[in-house]
Amino acid sequence: MALCRSLAGLLVLVLLLGGCSRPPAGEPAAAGVEADLDAADEPAEDIPPATAPHAAGALATTDLAAGLPAPLGADAQALRDGWGRPLQGGPDATDAEACHYLFTDTDRAESFGQAFMFEGGRFVRMDVDDPALAAPGGGRVGMDAAAVAALYPGRVEEQLHKYVEGARTLRVTGDGEAVLVFATDAAGVVRSWRVGLPPQVDYVEGCG
């Protein structure tokens, strides 16, 4: 009997020691195991900022001259080549350096659609009053001033129109020399926009 009690006691002791070999469910692992788990959760390499979520938007630049058929400052032939379709108009025969426009469509009854300004023999500005054409950044004819401000946060300077009472010009600056200008009516609705180089982009009368 004494021998049986001793064996029974030894068996209980072995079971208890075996139960202490790993932590119960729900309790933290040993420090070494926790470090291994943390290391497994870390990426093998650092994630560069440009590929992190939302980084693309944060790093994006605003090039207001993007999408033009020729770079601002180009000559008329470069613009014609870039446009690839007939253009109407040209410089005054007596002064080729004077301000003038090339028009994409002269058959419109009440609007010009799209036109390219030249001064000093250089392409300096594009004017648009066609609602189907979006400005760099997404602004369009028909938007209100609040929508324009939302599209270009912190970049819009609002000014009173020089001639139309209650109307505004919304001047947008970007990362380069080009400037984008929206012209509204008295109700605050955009009626035209233009993009180009100062000072020509700020000519209210066009080549007037």
Protein backbone atom coordinates (compact mmCIF):
# COMPACT_ATOMS: atom_id res chain seq x y z
CA MET A 1 0.00 0.00 0.00
CA ALA A 2 2.80 2.42 0.85
CA LEU A 3 4.38 1.71 -2.51
CA CYS A 4 1.07 2.44 -4.30
CA ARG A 5 0.66 5.72 -2.45
CA SER A 6 4.21 6.72 -3.42
CA LEU A 7 3.59 5.89 -7.10
CA ALA A 8 0.29 7.75 -7.06
CA GLY A 9 1.94 10.77 -5.50
CA LEU A 10 4.72 10.68 -8.09
CA LEU A 11 2.19 10.48 -10.93
CA VAL A 12 0.31 13.54 -9.64
CA LEU A 13 3.60 15.47 -9.38
CA VAL A 14 4.52 14.61 -12.99
CA LEU A 15 1.13 15.78 -14.27
CA LEU A 16 1.40 19.05 -12.38
CA LEU A 17 4.87 19.74 -13.73
CA GLY A 18 3.73 18.88 -17.24
CA GLY A 19 0.88 21.39 -16.97
CA CYS A 20 3.37 24.16 -16.14
CA SER A 21 5.28 23.69 -19.40
CA ARG A 22 3.06 26.12 -21.38
CA PRO A 23 0.89 29.14 -20.38
CA PRO A 24 -2.86 28.61 -20.05
CA ALA A 25 -5.02 29.90 -22.90
CA GLY A 26 -5.53 33.65 -22.68
CA GLU A 27 -2.31 34.42 -20.85
CA PRO A 28 0.61 36.19 -22.55
CA ALA A 29 3.41 34.18 -24.10
CA ALA A 30 6.94 34.42 -22.84
CA ALA A 31 8.94 37.51 -23.78
CA GLY A 32 10.94 35.70 -26.47
CA VAL A 33 7.79 34.39 -28.18
CA GLU A 34 6.16 37.84 -28.11
CA ALA A 35 9.23 39.35 -29.76
CA ASP A 36 9.09 36.70 -32.50
CA LEU A 37 5.39 37.44 -33.16
CA ASP A 38 6.05 41.19 -33.34
CA ALA A 39 8.89 40.60 -35.80
CA ALA A 40 6.63 38.49 -38.00
CA ASP A 41 4.09 41.35 -38.16
CA GLU A 42 6.71 43.85 -39.38
CA PRO A 43 7.31 44.16 -43.17
CA ALA A 44 10.64 42.88 -44.45
CA GLU A 45 11.48 46.38 -45.75
CA ASP A 46 10.39 49.90 -44.92
CA ILE A 47 7.42 51.09 -46.98
CA PRO A 48 8.53 54.14 -48.99
CA PRO A 49 6.27 57.20 -48.52
CA ALA A 50 5.21 57.25 -52.17
CA THR A 51 3.63 53.79 -51.92
CA ALA A 52 1.96 54.23 -48.54
CA PRO A 53 -1.86 54.68 -48.59
CA HIS A 54 -2.96 58.23 -49.55
CA ALA A 55 0.66 59.30 -50.20
CA ALA A 56 0.04 59.80 -53.91
CA GLY A 57 -2.51 62.52 -53.25
CA ALA A 58 -0.32 64.20 -50.68
CA LEU A 59 2.65 64.32 -53.05
CA ALA A 60 0.69 65.35 -56.15
CA THR A 61 1.58 68.65 -57.77
CA THR A 62 -0.68 71.06 -59.61
CA ASP A 63 0.63 71.89 -63.08
CA LEU A 64 -1.92 74.31 -64.48
CA ALA A 65 -0.34 74.16 -67.94
CA ALA A 66 -0.84 70.39 -68.20
CA GLY A 67 -2.85 69.27 -71.21
CA LEU A 68 -2.23 72.31 -73.42
CA PRO A 69 -1.52 71.48 -77.07
CA ALA A 70 1.84 73.24 -76.84
CA PRO A 71 3.96 74.62 -74.01
CA LEU A 72 3.30 78.19 -72.97
CA GLY A 73 5.88 80.33 -74.75
CA ALA A 74 5.86 78.22 -77.93
CA ASP A 75 5.46 79.74 -81.39
CA ALA A 76 2.33 79.50 -83.55
CA GLN A 77 3.62 76.60 -85.65
CA ALA A 78 4.29 74.49 -82.55
CA LEU A 79 0.72 75.13 -81.37
CA ARG A 80 -0.74 74.26 -84.78
CA ASP A 81 1.30 71.04 -84.82
CA GLY A 82 0.20 70.15 -81.31
CA TRP A 83 -3.44 70.93 -82.02
CA GLY A 84 -3.43 68.89 -85.22
CA ARG A 85 -6.59 70.47 -86.65
CA PRO A 86 -7.32 73.70 -88.54
CA LEU A 87 -7.21 76.95 -86.58
CA GLN A 88 -8.77 80.24 -87.66
CA GLY A 89 -7.23 83.69 -87.39
CA GLY A 90 -3.72 85.06 -87.18
CA PRO A 91 -1.67 88.17 -86.45
CA ASP A 92 -2.33 91.59 -87.87
CA ALA A 93 -0.52 91.96 -91.16
CA THR A 94 1.00 95.23 -89.97
CA ASP A 95 2.25 93.92 -86.60
CA ALA A 96 2.97 90.22 -86.20
CA GLU A 97 4.03 90.78 -82.58
CA ALA A 98 0.70 92.30 -81.51
CA CYS A 99 -1.77 90.37 -79.35
CA HIS A 100 -4.06 88.09 -81.38
CA TYR A 101 -6.00 84.85 -81.15
CA LEU A 102 -6.19 81.58 -83.06
CA PHE A 103 -9.71 80.14 -82.84
CA THR A 104 -10.77 76.49 -83.00
CA ASP A 105 -14.26 77.34 -84.30
CA THR A 106 -15.49 80.64 -85.72
CA ASP A 107 -18.95 79.37 -86.66
CA ARG A 108 -20.43 79.53 -83.13
CA ALA A 109 -23.31 81.98 -82.77
CA GLU A 110 -22.82 83.12 -79.15
CA SER A 111 -19.50 81.70 -77.94
CA PHE A 112 -15.98 80.98 -79.12
CA GLY A 113 -15.48 77.55 -77.53
CA GLN A 114 -11.71 77.52 -77.31
CA ALA A 115 -9.12 80.08 -78.39
CA PHE A 116 -5.35 80.52 -78.11
CA MET A 117 -3.78 83.91 -77.41
CA PHE A 118 -0.43 84.99 -78.84
CA GLU A 119 1.60 88.05 -77.95
CA GLY A 120 5.11 88.84 -79.02
CA GLY A 121 4.93 85.80 -81.27
CA ARG A 122 4.50 83.45 -78.27
CA PHE A 123 1.59 81.30 -77.08
CA VAL A 124 0.65 82.89 -73.75
CA ARG A 125 -2.94 81.94 -72.93
CA MET A 126 -5.88 79.64 -73.71
CA ASP A 127 -9.48 80.84 -73.28
CA VAL A 128 -12.51 78.50 -72.93
CA ASP A 129 -16.26 79.09 -72.63
CA ASP A 130 -17.37 75.56 -73.56
CA PRO A 131 -18.96 73.67 -70.59
CA ALA A 132 -17.76 70.37 -72.05
CA LEU A 133 -14.09 71.28 -71.52
CA ALA A 134 -12.60 70.91 -68.04
CA ALA A 135 -9.86 73.19 -66.78
CA PRO A 136 -6.73 71.72 -65.19
CA GLY A 137 -7.92 70.45 -61.80
CA GLY A 138 -11.52 69.93 -62.91
CA GLY A 139 -13.17 73.37 -62.96
CA ARG A 140 -15.78 74.01 -65.66
CA VAL A 141 -18.13 76.60 -67.10
CA GLY A 142 -21.42 76.31 -65.18
CA MET A 143 -19.89 75.67 -61.75
CA ASP A 144 -20.47 78.10 -58.92
CA ALA A 145 -17.70 79.90 -57.07
CA ALA A 146 -17.98 77.62 -54.02
CA ALA A 147 -17.40 74.52 -56.16
CA VAL A 148 -14.32 76.12 -57.70
CA ALA A 149 -12.93 76.99 -54.26
CA ALA A 150 -13.46 73.38 -53.15
CA LEU A 151 -11.52 72.06 -56.14
CA TYR A 152 -8.51 74.32 -55.51
CA PRO A 153 -8.32 74.67 -51.70
CA GLY A 154 -6.02 77.42 -50.50
CA ARG A 155 -5.12 78.46 -54.07
CA VAL A 156 -8.01 80.76 -55.06
CA GLU A 157 -7.83 84.56 -54.90
CA GLU A 158 -11.23 86.16 -55.47
CA GLN A 159 -11.46 89.61 -57.03
CA LEU A 160 -14.27 91.87 -58.24
CA HIS A 161 -14.74 91.81 -61.99
CA LYS A 162 -13.42 94.96 -63.64
CA TYR A 163 -16.57 95.66 -65.67
CA VAL A 164 -19.50 93.45 -64.59
CA GLU A 165 -21.16 94.52 -61.34
CA GLY A 166 -21.42 91.65 -58.87
CA ALA A 167 -19.26 89.35 -61.02
CA ARG A 168 -15.97 87.88 -59.80
CA THR A 169 -12.70 86.54 -61.12
CA LEU A 170 -11.30 83.51 -59.28
CA ARG A 171 -7.52 83.43 -59.76
CA VAL A 172 -5.86 80.07 -59.10
CA THR A 173 -2.10 79.62 -58.74
CA GLY A 174 -0.22 76.35 -59.12
CA ASP A 175 3.32 75.03 -58.86
CA GLY A 176 4.68 76.73 -61.99
CA GLU A 177 4.36 80.04 -63.79
CA ALA A 178 0.91 79.32 -65.24
CA VAL A 179 -2.19 80.85 -63.67
CA LEU A 180 -5.81 79.72 -64.05
CA VAL A 181 -8.61 82.32 -63.97
CA PHE A 182 -12.36 81.65 -63.77
CA ALA A 183 -14.74 84.50 -64.63
CA THR A 184 -18.20 84.39 -63.03
CA ASP A 185 -21.38 86.31 -63.67
CA ALA A 186 -23.21 88.34 -61.00
CA ALA A 187 -24.86 85.14 -59.69
CA GLY A 188 -21.47 83.56 -59.06
CA VAL A 189 -21.65 81.06 -61.93
CA VAL A 190 -18.53 80.48 -64.03
CA ARG A 191 -19.01 81.71 -67.61
CA SER A 192 -15.47 81.23 -68.92
CA TRP A 193 -12.00 80.29 -67.82
CA ARG A 194 -8.50 80.88 -69.07
CA VAL A 195 -5.04 79.57 -68.31
CA GLY A 196 -1.77 81.20 -69.21
CA LEU A 197 1.17 83.35 -68.21
CA PRO A 198 1.01 86.69 -66.39
CA PRO A 199 0.43 89.42 -67.37
CA GLN A 200 -1.58 88.18 -70.35
CA VAL A 201 -3.73 85.76 -68.35
CA ASP A 202 -5.03 88.75 -66.37
CA TYR A 203 -6.09 90.79 -69.42
CA VAL A 204 -9.81 91.23 -68.80
CA GLU A 205 -10.49 92.43 -72.36
CA GLY A 206 -8.55 89.63 -74.04
CA CYS A 207 -6.56 91.26 -76.80
CA GLY A 208 -9.04 94.21 -76.63
